[in-house]
């Protein structure tokens, strides 16, 4: 089903309860997170919407997509040198944000009953969307995301005071360092966002404790 510019997989109820919009990570197919709808515990009637990112990677990636492209050579250098990437604004972030906002407009779910979230790149984009709109989201789910665009995000966070956020991150994440996730958490909490923090002894993944934690978060809204 297409909402605005994005193709979406839709599961669950009619949206009379919560509508959960979850964005997949870089290199994943558009339906990568769809199976989680069966495992996340959520209020009865919850509708699940899984948009597919607009960029097709093709080639060796198969049916893989991205919200914006990644320079892997640069990423590897940054990881090796410990360079701080928090201030970077990825090329394509603005376009990805606009696509998700247009999708939300077409979806038409009440913002106060909408949870937006995602994994990795999808988590970053979810927070970016929340900080660049005035939608009164019911909550945000950030699974293994990281801090980017700090110069844009930080000044916008106080306007989101009280917003409920679930954040998880693996302590051994070699792709998006744990320390950067901690820094993002501290920045959100200092700005008054209501953060539920779930670290886990794993890597760049969504393990069972995170699935359970997201369920608890959704059930509490």
Protein backbone atom coordinates (compact mmCIF):
# COMPACT_ATOMS: atom_id res chain seq x y z
CA UNK A 1 0.00 0.00 0.00
CA UNK A 2 1.32 3.43 -0.89
CA UNK A 3 1.12 6.42 1.43
CA UNK A 4 2.49 9.56 -0.14
CA UNK A 5 5.79 8.69 -1.85
CA UNK A 6 6.48 5.51 0.12
CA UNK A 7 5.34 1.92 -0.33
CA UNK A 8 4.28 0.48 3.04
CA UNK A 9 3.47 -2.90 4.50
CA UNK A 10 0.50 -2.60 6.87
CA UNK A 11 -0.39 -5.11 9.57
CA UNK A 12 -2.71 -5.36 12.56
CA UNK A 13 -5.75 -3.31 13.47
CA UNK A 14 -7.55 -0.41 11.92
CA UNK A 15 -5.65 2.23 13.86
CA UNK A 16 -8.39 2.83 16.42
CA UNK A 17 -5.65 2.34 18.99
CA UNK A 18 -2.00 3.09 18.34
CA UNK A 19 -0.43 3.40 14.90
CA UNK A 20 3.22 2.33 14.98
CA UNK A 21 5.37 3.45 12.06
CA UNK A 22 8.71 1.62 12.04
CA UNK A 23 11.55 2.42 9.64
CA UNK A 24 14.07 -0.25 8.66
CA UNK A 25 17.84 0.15 8.63
CA UNK A 26 20.37 0.63 5.85
CA UNK A 27 20.75 -2.31 3.46
CA UNK A 28 17.57 -4.07 4.58
CA UNK A 29 14.54 -4.87 2.41
CA UNK A 30 11.48 -2.72 2.93
CA UNK A 31 9.68 -5.47 4.84
CA UNK A 32 12.63 -6.25 7.12
CA UNK A 33 10.87 -5.31 10.37
CA UNK A 34 7.41 -6.66 9.46
CA UNK A 35 7.82 -9.97 11.40
CA UNK A 36 8.32 -8.02 14.61
CA UNK A 37 4.65 -7.00 14.57
CA UNK A 38 3.86 -10.53 15.75
CA UNK A 39 6.24 -10.29 18.71
CA UNK A 40 5.95 -6.73 20.00
CA UNK A 41 3.34 -6.56 22.75
CA UNK A 42 1.08 -3.60 22.00
CA UNK A 43 -2.44 -2.41 22.86
CA UNK A 44 -5.32 -4.16 21.12
CA UNK A 45 -6.11 -2.70 17.73
CA UNK A 46 -2.61 -1.41 17.09
CA UNK A 47 -1.89 -0.81 13.41
CA UNK A 48 1.65 -1.41 12.17
CA UNK A 49 3.04 0.51 9.20
CA UNK A 50 6.42 -0.41 7.71
CA UNK A 51 7.56 1.99 4.98
CA UNK A 52 10.20 0.95 2.45
CA UNK A 53 13.05 3.41 2.01
CA UNK A 54 13.05 5.08 -1.42
CA UNK A 55 16.66 4.34 -2.41
CA UNK A 56 17.26 0.96 -4.06
CA UNK A 57 20.82 -0.25 -3.53
CA UNK A 58 20.69 -3.10 -6.05
CA UNK A 59 23.80 -5.00 -7.13
CA UNK A 60 25.19 -7.34 -4.51
CA UNK A 61 22.71 -6.01 -1.96
CA UNK A 62 19.74 -7.69 -3.64
CA UNK A 63 16.40 -6.24 -2.56
CA UNK A 64 18.07 -3.78 -0.22
CA UNK A 65 17.14 -0.18 0.43
CA UNK A 66 18.41 2.91 2.21
CA UNK A 67 17.08 6.20 3.50
CA UNK A 68 20.38 7.81 2.52
CA UNK A 69 23.65 6.43 1.17
CA UNK A 70 26.67 5.62 3.32
CA UNK A 71 30.32 6.14 2.40
CA UNK A 72 31.69 2.92 3.87
CA UNK A 73 35.33 3.82 3.28
CA UNK A 74 34.85 7.01 5.28
CA UNK A 75 32.86 5.14 7.93
CA UNK A 76 35.69 2.65 8.36
CA UNK A 77 38.24 5.45 8.72
CA UNK A 78 36.06 7.18 11.30
CA UNK A 79 35.69 3.98 13.31
CA UNK A 80 39.42 3.30 13.20
CA UNK A 81 40.38 6.83 14.27
CA UNK A 82 37.52 7.32 16.71
CA UNK A 83 36.40 10.44 14.86
CA UNK A 84 33.24 12.02 16.24
CA UNK A 85 30.49 11.88 13.60
CA UNK A 86 27.79 13.49 15.74
CA UNK A 87 27.93 16.83 13.94
CA UNK A 88 27.58 15.37 10.45
CA UNK A 89 24.41 15.89 8.44
CA UNK A 90 24.27 13.02 5.94
CA UNK A 91 23.60 13.84 2.31
CA UNK A 92 20.03 12.72 1.68
CA UNK A 93 18.74 13.23 5.23
CA UNK A 94 16.60 16.21 4.25
CA UNK A 95 15.01 14.28 1.36
CA UNK A 96 14.40 11.22 3.55
CA UNK A 97 12.76 13.39 6.20
CA UNK A 98 10.47 14.97 3.62
CA UNK A 99 9.45 11.54 2.31
CA UNK A 100 8.52 10.28 5.79
CA UNK A 101 6.61 13.45 6.65
CA UNK A 102 4.66 13.17 3.38
CA UNK A 103 3.94 9.53 4.21
CA UNK A 104 2.64 10.51 7.66
CA UNK A 105 0.44 13.20 6.09
CA UNK A 106 -1.05 10.65 3.69
CA UNK A 107 -1.47 8.06 6.45
CA UNK A 108 -3.62 10.50 8.38
CA UNK A 109 -3.28 8.83 11.80
CA UNK A 110 -3.82 11.12 14.82
CA UNK A 111 -0.32 12.19 15.92
CA UNK A 112 -1.17 11.70 19.59
CA UNK A 113 -1.85 8.02 18.81
CA UNK A 114 1.19 7.57 16.56
CA UNK A 115 4.50 6.03 17.58
CA UNK A 116 7.38 6.49 15.15
CA UNK A 117 10.58 4.52 15.41
CA UNK A 118 13.03 2.26 13.73
CA UNK A 119 16.33 0.42 13.70
CA UNK A 120 19.76 1.94 13.01
CA UNK A 121 19.39 4.41 10.13
CA UNK A 122 15.63 4.16 10.58
CA UNK A 123 15.98 5.15 14.24
CA UNK A 124 18.05 8.21 13.34
CA UNK A 125 15.49 9.28 10.74
CA UNK A 126 12.62 8.77 13.19
CA UNK A 127 14.15 11.15 15.70
CA UNK A 128 15.04 13.63 12.96
CA UNK A 129 11.41 13.65 11.79
CA UNK A 130 10.12 14.15 15.33
CA UNK A 131 12.47 17.07 15.89
CA UNK A 132 11.56 18.78 12.61
CA UNK A 133 7.78 18.62 13.01
CA UNK A 134 5.30 19.72 15.64
CA UNK A 135 3.36 16.46 15.61
CA UNK A 136 2.43 15.42 19.15
CA UNK A 137 3.71 11.87 18.78
CA UNK A 138 2.71 9.35 21.44
CA UNK A 139 6.30 8.11 21.53
CA UNK A 140 9.50 7.33 19.66
CA UNK A 141 11.35 4.00 19.48
CA UNK A 142 15.10 4.21 18.81
CA UNK A 143 16.71 0.80 18.35
CA UNK A 144 20.48 0.99 17.84
CA UNK A 145 20.48 4.52 16.46
CA UNK A 146 23.09 7.19 17.07
CA UNK A 147 23.63 10.92 17.35
CA UNK A 148 23.93 12.82 14.06
CA UNK A 149 23.17 16.41 13.03
CA UNK A 150 23.80 17.54 16.61
CA UNK A 151 23.83 21.19 15.61
CA UNK A 152 20.26 20.85 14.32
CA UNK A 153 18.93 18.32 16.80
CA UNK A 154 20.11 19.79 20.11
CA UNK A 155 18.39 23.20 19.77
CA UNK A 156 15.14 21.49 18.82
CA UNK A 157 15.03 18.99 21.66
CA UNK A 158 13.69 21.29 24.43
CA UNK A 159 10.54 21.83 22.36
CA UNK A 160 9.95 18.08 22.73
CA UNK A 161 10.10 18.13 26.52
CA UNK A 162 8.05 15.26 27.97
CA UNK A 163 8.04 13.19 24.79
CA UNK A 164 8.33 9.50 25.61
CA UNK A 165 11.34 7.78 24.04
CA UNK A 166 12.46 4.17 24.11
CA UNK A 167 16.17 3.79 23.34
CA UNK A 168 18.15 0.54 23.13
CA UNK A 169 21.75 -0.09 22.16
CA UNK A 170 24.26 -2.92 22.22
CA UNK A 171 27.30 -2.42 24.43
CA UNK A 172 29.46 -4.18 21.82
CA UNK A 173 28.06 -2.43 18.76
CA UNK A 174 31.01 -2.11 16.38
CA UNK A 175 29.08 -0.11 13.76
CA UNK A 176 27.49 2.61 15.88
CA UNK A 177 29.53 2.92 19.10
CA UNK A 178 27.77 2.54 22.43
CA UNK A 179 29.32 5.76 23.73
CA UNK A 180 27.59 7.78 21.02
CA UNK A 181 24.23 6.28 22.01
CA UNK A 182 24.90 7.22 25.62
CA UNK A 183 25.67 10.76 24.51
CA UNK A 184 22.39 10.92 22.59
CA UNK A 185 20.55 9.66 25.65
CA UNK A 186 22.16 12.30 27.86
CA UNK A 187 21.30 15.04 25.39
CA UNK A 188 17.65 14.00 25.24
CA UNK A 189 17.33 13.68 29.00
CA UNK A 190 18.96 17.08 29.56
CA UNK A 191 16.35 18.56 27.22
CA UNK A 192 13.49 17.04 29.20
CA UNK A 193 12.54 14.07 27.01
CA UNK A 194 11.25 11.05 28.94
CA UNK A 195 13.78 8.38 27.99
CA UNK A 196 13.44 4.66 28.73
CA UNK A 197 16.99 3.37 28.29
CA UNK A 198 17.76 -0.28 27.59
CA UNK A 199 21.41 -1.23 27.04
CA UNK A 200 22.15 -4.86 26.26
CA UNK A 201 25.21 -7.07 26.01
CA UNK A 202 25.14 -7.45 22.26
CA UNK A 203 26.03 -5.86 18.98
CA UNK A 204 24.06 -4.11 16.19
CA UNK A 205 20.85 -6.06 16.56
CA UNK A 206 17.34 -6.37 17.98
CA UNK A 207 17.61 -9.15 20.59
CA UNK A 208 14.71 -10.59 22.64
CA UNK A 209 15.22 -8.17 25.57
CA UNK A 210 14.70 -5.25 23.19
CA UNK A 211 11.58 -6.83 21.70
CA UNK A 212 10.21 -7.23 25.23
CA UNK A 213 11.27 -3.71 26.16
CA UNK A 214 9.52 -2.17 23.16
CA UNK A 215 6.40 -4.13 24.08
CA UNK A 216 6.48 -2.77 27.62
CA UNK A 217 6.99 0.75 26.26
CA UNK A 218 4.06 0.52 23.84
CA UNK A 219 1.81 -0.99 26.49
CA UNK A 220 2.60 1.91 28.84
CA UNK A 221 1.52 4.60 26.38
